[in-house]
């Protein structure tokens, strides 16, 4: 997955699939796959928390063992800013090049300035290390939240469509959140969608069902009704990526360095890249190198 895991996420996933397409897919599903799906469906119906625990285990395992690197387009609205950036992942951290702002492509002069900044960062190991550490801190918080997901909520089977299992969830009253982040997380209700074949997370969606106070409201407060959304998709076998992160909170609490209280981010056009150094990644972002040339040199 993209180096950001699952912070807290939301919204109700809905997709429309033609009945004829779904029926055709069922007709061509090999018997062994149907048997495997039926087994997972039975688990979802009889022990949905057990299915969630297996799915979270798979996500955490993939995060630790998937060392693939990618380039993609990040289209992000953060507060009143709308920025589009090209991103290249490297073993030493991600490099970015802004290409559009507030709905308009950058002018040649603006792009030149962005490229100069990119090359400055690429030649500054300390800057890369600082960004990588901030991302690592967010990932660690995300992993801790993921470990809580199976026990923090009560789950109920809500159906399935096209190999995707739908579960609804609400706070488990017996769960005692150990951190402020967990307290916010535990105040959600919503839906969780799981791909049955690999038991991987497709969507986590929810809304705050009550106000969340910190220090009797002195340290911060999030208001009831705030929403979170996370969408994920499989771009190659076993490689899943975040395609949508949507966060809408009203209040005065902020825990993740990389997520503001009002954020909508779409990540698209994922392509795998070889292990690049910072200089190579910068040239790829600037268009001085392309993926075909890099593949021939690795």
Protein backbone atom coordinates (compact mmCIF):
# COMPACT_ATOMS: atom_id res chain seq x y z
CA UNK A 1 0.00 0.00 0.00
CA UNK A 2 1.04 3.55 -0.25
CA UNK A 3 3.33 4.32 2.68
CA UNK A 4 0.41 5.96 4.46
CA UNK A 5 -1.68 3.12 5.84
CA UNK A 6 -5.15 3.55 7.24
CA UNK A 7 -5.60 6.51 9.48
CA UNK A 8 -9.24 6.84 10.15
CA UNK A 9 -11.57 6.81 7.26
CA UNK A 10 -15.12 7.12 6.10
CA UNK A 11 -18.13 7.48 4.05
CA UNK A 12 -20.44 4.81 2.71
CA UNK A 13 -19.09 2.90 -0.25
CA UNK A 14 -21.66 2.42 -2.98
CA UNK A 15 -21.17 0.94 -6.41
CA UNK A 16 -23.63 -0.13 -9.07
CA UNK A 17 -23.00 -3.32 -11.02
CA UNK A 18 -25.34 -4.52 -13.77
CA UNK A 19 -27.20 -7.67 -12.85
CA UNK A 20 -26.24 -9.28 -16.11
CA UNK A 21 -22.53 -8.61 -15.53
CA UNK A 22 -22.72 -10.02 -12.03
CA UNK A 23 -24.57 -13.07 -13.25
CA UNK A 24 -22.03 -13.64 -16.01
CA UNK A 25 -19.22 -13.41 -13.48
CA UNK A 26 -20.96 -16.03 -11.33
CA UNK A 27 -21.37 -18.36 -14.30
CA UNK A 28 -17.66 -18.22 -15.10
CA UNK A 29 -16.39 -18.51 -11.53
CA UNK A 30 -14.41 -21.75 -11.12
CA UNK A 31 -15.93 -24.15 -8.55
CA UNK A 32 -12.93 -23.87 -6.24
CA UNK A 33 -13.29 -20.06 -6.19
CA UNK A 34 -17.00 -20.35 -5.44
CA UNK A 35 -16.22 -22.70 -2.57
CA UNK A 36 -13.62 -20.27 -1.22
CA UNK A 37 -16.08 -17.37 -1.47
CA UNK A 38 -18.76 -19.38 0.29
CA UNK A 39 -16.33 -20.17 3.09
CA UNK A 40 -15.52 -16.49 3.60
CA UNK A 41 -19.20 -15.56 3.40
CA UNK A 42 -19.98 -18.09 6.11
CA UNK A 43 -17.27 -16.56 8.28
CA UNK A 44 -18.66 -13.07 7.64
CA UNK A 45 -22.13 -14.18 8.68
CA UNK A 46 -21.16 -16.21 11.76
CA UNK A 47 -18.03 -14.43 13.00
CA UNK A 48 -17.62 -11.04 11.28
CA UNK A 49 -15.09 -9.87 13.87
CA UNK A 50 -12.97 -12.91 13.02
CA UNK A 51 -13.01 -11.94 9.34
CA UNK A 52 -12.03 -8.38 10.25
CA UNK A 53 -9.15 -9.70 12.38
CA UNK A 54 -7.86 -11.80 9.46
CA UNK A 55 -8.17 -8.83 7.10
CA UNK A 56 -6.30 -6.48 9.43
CA UNK A 57 -3.59 -9.12 9.84
CA UNK A 58 -3.24 -9.25 6.05
CA UNK A 59 -3.03 -5.47 5.80
CA UNK A 60 -0.38 -5.21 8.50
CA UNK A 61 1.59 -8.09 7.00
CA UNK A 62 1.48 -6.50 3.55
CA UNK A 63 2.63 -3.17 4.95
CA UNK A 64 5.66 -4.79 6.53
CA UNK A 65 6.59 -7.01 3.58
CA UNK A 66 5.58 -5.06 0.48
CA UNK A 67 8.69 -3.11 -0.54
CA UNK A 68 7.43 -2.13 -4.00
CA UNK A 69 7.82 1.49 -5.07
CA UNK A 70 5.43 3.51 -7.20
CA UNK A 71 4.86 6.77 -9.02
CA UNK A 72 1.40 8.34 -9.08
CA UNK A 73 -0.58 11.57 -9.29
CA UNK A 74 -1.76 13.14 -6.03
CA UNK A 75 -4.77 15.46 -6.39
CA UNK A 76 -5.37 17.04 -3.00
CA UNK A 77 -7.72 19.65 -1.57
CA UNK A 78 -6.51 20.70 1.87
CA UNK A 79 -8.58 23.49 3.37
CA UNK A 80 -8.72 26.23 0.73
CA UNK A 81 -5.75 24.90 -1.26
CA UNK A 82 -6.08 22.57 -4.24
CA UNK A 83 -2.76 21.13 -5.40
CA UNK A 84 -1.89 18.44 -7.94
CA UNK A 85 1.53 16.81 -7.61
CA UNK A 86 3.46 14.04 -9.28
CA UNK A 87 4.97 11.69 -6.72
CA UNK A 88 7.81 9.17 -6.94
CA UNK A 89 8.55 6.82 -4.05
CA UNK A 90 12.18 5.96 -3.29
CA UNK A 91 13.81 3.90 -0.53
CA UNK A 92 14.86 7.16 1.13
CA UNK A 93 11.45 8.83 0.96
CA UNK A 94 8.98 10.32 -1.50
CA UNK A 95 9.73 13.16 -3.90
CA UNK A 96 7.03 15.49 -5.20
CA UNK A 97 6.63 17.96 -8.04
CA UNK A 98 3.63 20.30 -8.03
CA UNK A 99 2.13 20.68 -11.52
CA UNK A 100 -1.16 22.48 -10.86
CA UNK A 101 -2.66 24.76 -8.23
CA UNK A 102 -6.27 25.77 -7.59
CA UNK A 103 -7.48 24.27 -10.84
CA UNK A 104 -4.82 25.76 -13.12
CA UNK A 105 -1.58 24.29 -14.51
CA UNK A 106 1.55 26.05 -13.29
CA UNK A 107 3.06 28.66 -15.56
CA UNK A 108 6.49 27.88 -17.05
CA UNK A 109 8.10 30.19 -14.48
CA UNK A 110 6.21 28.58 -11.59
CA UNK A 111 7.11 25.10 -12.80
CA UNK A 112 10.75 26.12 -13.10
CA UNK A 113 10.68 27.26 -9.47
CA UNK A 114 9.09 23.98 -8.40
CA UNK A 115 11.76 22.00 -10.25
CA UNK A 116 14.47 24.05 -8.57
CA UNK A 117 12.93 23.25 -5.18
CA UNK A 118 12.68 19.58 -6.14
CA UNK A 119 16.36 19.39 -7.01
CA UNK A 120 17.26 21.18 -3.81
CA UNK A 121 15.36 18.58 -1.78
CA UNK A 122 16.82 15.72 -3.83
CA UNK A 123 20.31 16.91 -2.91
CA UNK A 124 19.47 17.30 0.79
CA UNK A 125 19.51 13.95 2.61
CA UNK A 126 18.44 15.62 5.85
CA UNK A 127 15.29 17.04 4.28
CA UNK A 128 14.38 13.63 2.86
CA UNK A 129 15.07 11.97 6.21
CA UNK A 130 12.86 14.50 8.01
CA UNK A 131 9.93 13.88 5.65
CA UNK A 132 10.44 10.13 5.90
CA UNK A 133 10.42 10.27 9.71
CA UNK A 134 7.16 12.25 9.76
CA UNK A 135 5.60 9.68 7.46
CA UNK A 136 6.93 6.85 9.62
CA UNK A 137 5.34 8.44 12.70
CA UNK A 138 1.95 8.56 10.99
CA UNK A 139 2.32 4.97 9.83
CA UNK A 140 3.03 3.80 13.36
CA UNK A 141 -0.11 5.49 14.66
CA UNK A 142 -2.06 3.95 11.79
CA UNK A 143 -0.77 0.47 12.59
CA UNK A 144 -1.79 0.85 16.22
CA UNK A 145 -5.29 1.85 15.15
CA UNK A 146 -5.51 -1.07 12.74
CA UNK A 147 -4.65 -3.49 15.53
CA UNK A 148 -7.63 -2.14 17.49
CA UNK A 149 -10.17 -2.44 14.67
CA UNK A 150 -11.25 -6.06 15.36
CA UNK A 151 -12.04 -5.37 19.04
CA UNK A 152 -12.99 -1.68 19.03
CA UNK A 153 -16.24 -2.27 17.15
CA UNK A 154 -19.17 -4.65 16.94
CA UNK A 155 -19.73 -5.96 13.42
CA UNK A 156 -22.73 -7.20 11.50
CA UNK A 157 -22.88 -8.85 8.08
CA UNK A 158 -24.65 -6.52 5.63
CA UNK A 159 -24.45 -8.44 2.36
CA UNK A 160 -22.00 -8.88 -0.50
CA UNK A 161 -21.65 -7.86 -4.12
CA UNK A 162 -19.19 -8.91 -6.80
CA UNK A 163 -16.89 -10.65 -4.33
CA UNK A 164 -16.92 -7.72 -1.87
CA UNK A 165 -18.26 -8.39 1.61
CA UNK A 166 -20.09 -5.57 3.36
CA UNK A 167 -19.99 -5.26 7.14
CA UNK A 168 -21.56 -2.55 9.26
CA UNK A 169 -19.92 -1.54 12.52
CA UNK A 170 -20.62 0.43 15.69
CA UNK A 171 -18.55 1.12 18.81
CA UNK A 172 -17.98 -1.80 21.16
CA UNK A 173 -19.06 -0.49 24.60
CA UNK A 174 -16.62 -2.89 26.28
CA UNK A 175 -13.61 -1.39 24.47
CA UNK A 176 -11.60 1.19 26.39
CA UNK A 177 -9.66 3.38 23.93
CA UNK A 178 -6.07 3.79 25.21
CA UNK A 179 -5.15 6.96 23.31
CA UNK A 180 -6.76 10.16 22.04
CA UNK A 181 -6.52 8.86 18.48
CA UNK A 182 -8.26 5.66 19.54
CA UNK A 183 -10.96 7.69 21.30
CA UNK A 184 -11.81 9.45 18.03
CA UNK A 185 -11.65 6.18 16.13
CA UNK A 186 -13.91 4.44 18.65
CA UNK A 187 -16.57 7.15 18.25
CA UNK A 188 -17.27 6.09 14.66
CA UNK A 189 -20.02 3.99 13.15
CA UNK A 190 -20.13 3.00 9.51
CA UNK A 191 -19.25 0.27 7.05
CA UNK A 192 -16.21 -1.80 6.21
CA UNK A 193 -15.83 -3.55 2.85
CA UNK A 194 -13.55 -6.55 2.37
CA UNK A 195 -12.46 -8.30 -0.81
CA UNK A 196 -13.29 -11.93 -0.10
CA UNK A 197 -10.65 -13.55 -2.34
CA UNK A 198 -7.59 -12.06 -0.60
CA UNK A 199 -9.29 -10.76 2.55
CA UNK A 200 -8.07 -7.22 1.87
CA UNK A 201 -9.63 -3.92 2.86
CA UNK A 202 -11.52 -2.16 0.06
CA UNK A 203 -13.14 0.63 2.03
CA UNK A 204 -13.43 1.87 5.58
CA UNK A 205 -16.16 4.44 6.03
CA UNK A 206 -17.73 6.08 9.02
CA UNK A 207 -19.00 9.13 10.82
CA UNK A 208 -18.66 10.41 14.36
CA UNK A 209 -21.82 9.46 16.24
CA UNK A 210 -21.09 11.75 19.21
CA UNK A 211 -18.99 14.73 20.21
CA UNK A 212 -15.45 13.81 21.26
CA UNK A 213 -13.98 15.95 24.05
CA UNK A 214 -10.38 16.02 25.28
CA UNK A 215 -9.61 17.35 28.73
CA UNK A 216 -13.29 18.27 29.25
CA UNK A 217 -13.10 20.19 25.97
CA UNK A 218 -10.18 22.34 27.09
CA UNK A 219 -7.60 20.43 25.03
CA UNK A 220 -9.84 19.97 22.05
CA UNK A 221 -13.20 18.84 20.72
CA UNK A 222 -14.51 17.16 17.59
CA UNK A 223 -18.17 17.57 16.78
CA UNK A 224 -20.66 14.82 16.04
CA UNK A 225 -21.23 14.21 12.33
CA UNK A 226 -17.64 14.46 11.10
CA UNK A 227 -16.86 11.98 8.35
CA UNK A 228 -13.91 9.89 7.19
CA UNK A 229 -13.42 7.91 4.01
CA UNK A 230 -10.72 5.62 2.70
CA UNK A 231 -10.88 3.75 -0.64
CA UNK A 232 -8.36 1.19 -1.79
CA UNK A 233 -7.81 -0.75 -5.01
CA UNK A 234 -5.57 -3.55 -6.28
CA UNK A 235 -3.20 -2.33 -9.01
CA UNK A 236 -1.27 -5.58 -9.43
CA UNK A 237 -1.46 -8.96 -7.69
CA UNK A 238 -1.14 -8.43 -3.92
CA UNK A 239 -0.32 -4.72 -4.38
CA UNK A 240 -3.08 -2.52 -3.00
CA UNK A 241 -3.01 1.27 -3.05
CA UNK A 242 -5.05 4.05 -1.48
CA UNK A 243 -7.09 5.86 -4.12
CA UNK A 244 -9.20 8.20 -1.99
CA UNK A 245 -8.80 9.79 1.44
CA UNK A 246 -11.59 12.10 2.54
CA UNK A 247 -11.64 13.77 5.97
CA UNK A 248 -14.21 16.31 7.14
CA UNK A 249 -14.05 17.25 10.81
CA UNK A 250 -15.26 20.27 12.68
CA UNK A 251 -13.58 20.98 15.95
CA UNK A 252 -10.21 21.74 17.46
CA UNK A 253 -8.30 18.45 17.58
CA UNK A 254 -5.66 17.25 15.16
CA UNK A 255 -3.43 14.23 15.69
CA UNK A 256 -1.94 13.13 12.38
CA UNK A 257 0.73 15.36 10.90
CA UNK A 258 -0.27 14.42 7.35
CA UNK A 259 -4.07 14.83 7.63
CA UNK A 260 -5.82 18.12 8.17
CA UNK A 261 -9.35 18.47 9.44
CA UNK A 262 -10.75 19.20 5.97
CA UNK A 263 -9.07 17.14 3.27
CA UNK A 264 -10.00 15.40 0.05
CA UNK A 265 -7.26 13.50 -1.75
CA UNK A 266 -7.48 11.36 -4.89
CA UNK A 267 -4.43 9.30 -5.84
CA UNK A 268 -4.39 7.91 -9.38
CA UNK A 269 -2.27 6.66 -12.28
CA UNK A 270 -0.18 4.32 -10.14
CA UNK A 271 2.81 2.79 -11.95
CA UNK A 272 5.57 0.66 -10.41
CA UNK A 273 9.11 2.06 -10.43
CA UNK A 274 12.48 0.43 -9.72
CA UNK A 275 14.58 1.42 -6.73
CA UNK A 276 15.76 4.93 -7.58
CA UNK A 277 18.04 7.36 -5.86
CA UNK A 278 16.80 10.89 -5.26
CA UNK A 279 18.50 12.33 -8.33
CA UNK A 280 16.91 9.72 -10.62
CA UNK A 281 13.51 10.29 -9.05
CA UNK A 282 13.82 14.02 -9.63
CA UNK A 283 14.68 13.47 -13.30
CA UNK A 284 11.68 11.14 -13.66
CA UNK A 285 9.40 13.82 -12.20
CA UNK A 286 10.86 16.47 -14.50
CA UNK A 287 10.48 14.25 -17.56
CA UNK A 288 14.22 13.96 -18.20
CA UNK A 289 13.88 10.20 -17.73
CA UNK A 290 10.95 7.89 -18.42
CA UNK A 291 9.97 4.52 -16.97
CA UNK A 292 11.14 2.64 -20.05
CA UNK A 293 14.63 4.12 -19.77
CA UNK A 294 14.76 3.33 -16.04
CA UNK A 295 13.65 -0.25 -16.63
CA UNK A 296 16.48 -0.77 -19.09
CA UNK A 297 19.04 0.41 -16.53
CA UNK A 298 17.85 -1.83 -13.68
